[in-house]
Amino acid sequence: MSELEEAEKQVRDMVVQAAASLTQQYGEDAEVIATMRAAEFAAAGDVDGLKAWDMIIEYLVALREGKPEDIGEP
């Protein structure tokens, strides 16, 4: 596995873990909470933080739609 593939796997694993934690804590409201957090990072001008929350939201949406394996696909 290349370094890039390893890094992508680590990011995906972190996104999955964050989404799982949010879902465990907030249930069906996890997506709303993640969106609120993303807005906080956007308001603060934290582009990297916003990008992370956007990935988490994308994964939560994919979970809701039953397609979590599609995350990161072009």
Foldseek 3Di string as FASTA:
>chain_A
DDPVVVVVVVLLVVLVVQLVVLCVVPNPCSLVVLVVQLVVCVVVVNPVSNVSSVLSNVQNVCVVVVHNVCRPPD
